[in-house]
Amino acid sequence: MGKTGLFDRFDGRIFSVDEVAHGKPAPDIFLLAAQRMDASPERCAVIEDSVSGVTAGLAAGMTVFGFAGGVTSAEALSIEGTIVFDDMRGLPAMLLSQ
């Protein structure tokens, strides 16, 4: 995030697998983030580019967007309940429509 200049925008809202008992595909990291942000999981969105991340987000009860414009195929990310997309420019509109 330092290279993109985004670190300051997320300072204090970055969570690590080192803070939870189980990493992805367990939902622990997403549930921790929701708790610390004082948000219910149903009101959270997860943007993931991995099958384990999509699985974790779904297990957390969150709305999951699977980004297929990188390393993981749309087919692999097409787990029931996942909104799969391949162009980040469309993400803001998708988030607003949820």
Protein backbone atom coordinates (compact mmCIF):
# COMPACT_ATOMS: atom_id res chain seq x y z
CA MET A 1 0.00 0.00 0.00
CA GLY A 2 2.97 2.25 0.41
CA LYS A 3 3.78 2.10 -3.29
CA THR A 4 0.26 3.16 -4.24
CA GLY A 5 -0.01 5.90 -1.63
CA LEU A 6 -2.95 4.18 0.05
CA PHE A 7 -1.37 3.34 3.39
CA ASP A 8 -2.47 6.56 5.11
CA ARG A 9 -6.06 6.00 3.99
CA PHE A 10 -6.10 2.58 5.68
CA ASP A 11 -3.88 3.32 8.68
CA GLY A 12 -5.46 1.73 11.77
CA ARG A 13 -7.70 -0.44 9.59
CA ILE A 14 -5.23 -3.06 8.43
CA PHE A 15 -5.61 -6.54 9.88
CA SER A 16 -3.19 -9.45 9.77
CA VAL A 17 -3.59 -13.21 9.90
CA ASP A 18 -1.11 -13.04 12.79
CA GLU A 19 -3.95 -11.62 14.90
CA VAL A 20 -6.26 -14.64 14.56
CA ALA A 21 -6.16 -18.34 15.37
CA HIS A 22 -6.93 -19.54 11.86
CA GLY A 23 -6.08 -18.07 8.47
CA LYS A 24 -8.12 -18.28 5.30
CA PRO A 25 -10.23 -20.18 4.33
CA ALA A 26 -11.45 -19.77 7.93
CA PRO A 27 -13.45 -16.54 8.37
CA ASP A 28 -11.47 -15.37 11.41
CA ILE A 29 -9.64 -12.41 9.83
CA PHE A 30 -12.79 -10.99 8.25
CA LEU A 31 -14.77 -11.39 11.46
CA LEU A 32 -11.99 -9.67 13.42
CA ALA A 33 -11.97 -6.76 10.99
CA ALA A 34 -15.75 -6.38 11.23
CA GLN A 35 -15.63 -6.49 15.02
CA ARG A 36 -12.88 -3.87 15.24
CA MET A 37 -14.71 -1.64 12.78
CA ASP A 38 -17.92 -2.09 14.81
CA ALA A 39 -19.75 -3.46 11.76
CA SER A 40 -22.00 -6.47 11.47
CA PRO A 41 -20.70 -9.05 8.97
CA GLU A 42 -23.88 -8.74 6.88
CA ARG A 43 -22.97 -5.09 6.21
CA CYS A 44 -19.41 -5.88 5.11
CA ALA A 45 -18.00 -6.43 1.64
CA VAL A 46 -15.00 -8.60 0.88
CA ILE A 47 -13.00 -8.09 -2.31
CA GLU A 48 -10.84 -11.15 -2.91
CA ASP A 49 -8.74 -12.64 -5.69
CA SER A 50 -8.25 -16.11 -4.21
CA VAL A 51 -10.47 -19.13 -3.63
CA SER A 52 -9.44 -19.29 0.04
CA GLY A 53 -10.33 -15.61 0.49
CA VAL A 54 -13.69 -15.99 -1.23
CA THR A 55 -14.41 -19.05 0.92
CA ALA A 56 -13.48 -17.13 4.08
CA GLY A 57 -15.65 -14.15 3.18
CA LEU A 58 -18.65 -16.34 2.48
CA ALA A 59 -18.11 -18.25 5.74
CA ALA A 60 -18.06 -14.89 7.56
CA GLY A 61 -21.52 -14.09 6.15
CA MET A 62 -20.27 -11.13 4.12
CA THR A 63 -20.98 -10.00 0.57
CA VAL A 64 -18.09 -11.33 -1.49
CA PHE A 65 -16.71 -9.92 -4.73
CA GLY A 66 -14.28 -12.25 -6.48
CA PHE A 67 -11.77 -10.38 -8.64
CA ALA A 68 -10.94 -12.51 -11.66
CA GLY A 69 -8.75 -9.93 -13.38
CA GLY A 70 -5.56 -11.16 -11.77
CA VAL A 71 -4.21 -14.57 -10.91
CA THR A 72 -7.36 -16.62 -10.27
CA SER A 73 -9.84 -17.47 -13.00
CA ALA A 74 -13.49 -16.47 -12.95
CA GLU A 75 -14.39 -20.15 -13.05
CA ALA A 76 -12.40 -20.89 -9.89
CA LEU A 77 -13.89 -17.89 -8.05
CA SER A 78 -17.46 -18.71 -9.08
CA ILE A 79 -18.42 -20.18 -5.73
CA GLU A 80 -22.14 -19.90 -4.97
CA GLY A 81 -22.90 -16.49 -3.47
CA THR A 82 -19.85 -14.74 -4.97
CA ILE A 83 -20.14 -11.77 -7.32
CA VAL A 84 -17.34 -12.34 -9.82
CA PHE A 85 -15.88 -9.43 -11.80
CA ASP A 86 -12.76 -8.78 -13.85
CA ASP A 87 -12.46 -5.00 -14.08
CA MET A 88 -11.75 -2.96 -10.95
CA ARG A 89 -13.25 0.13 -12.59
CA GLY A 90 -16.67 -1.48 -12.16
CA LEU A 91 -16.27 -2.20 -8.45
CA PRO A 92 -17.59 1.12 -7.06
CA ALA A 93 -20.90 0.72 -8.89
CA MET A 94 -21.19 -2.92 -7.79
CA LEU A 95 -20.57 -1.95 -4.16
CA LEU A 96 -23.22 0.75 -4.33
CA SER A 97 -25.76 -1.65 -5.80
CA GLN A 98 -25.46 -4.07 -2.89
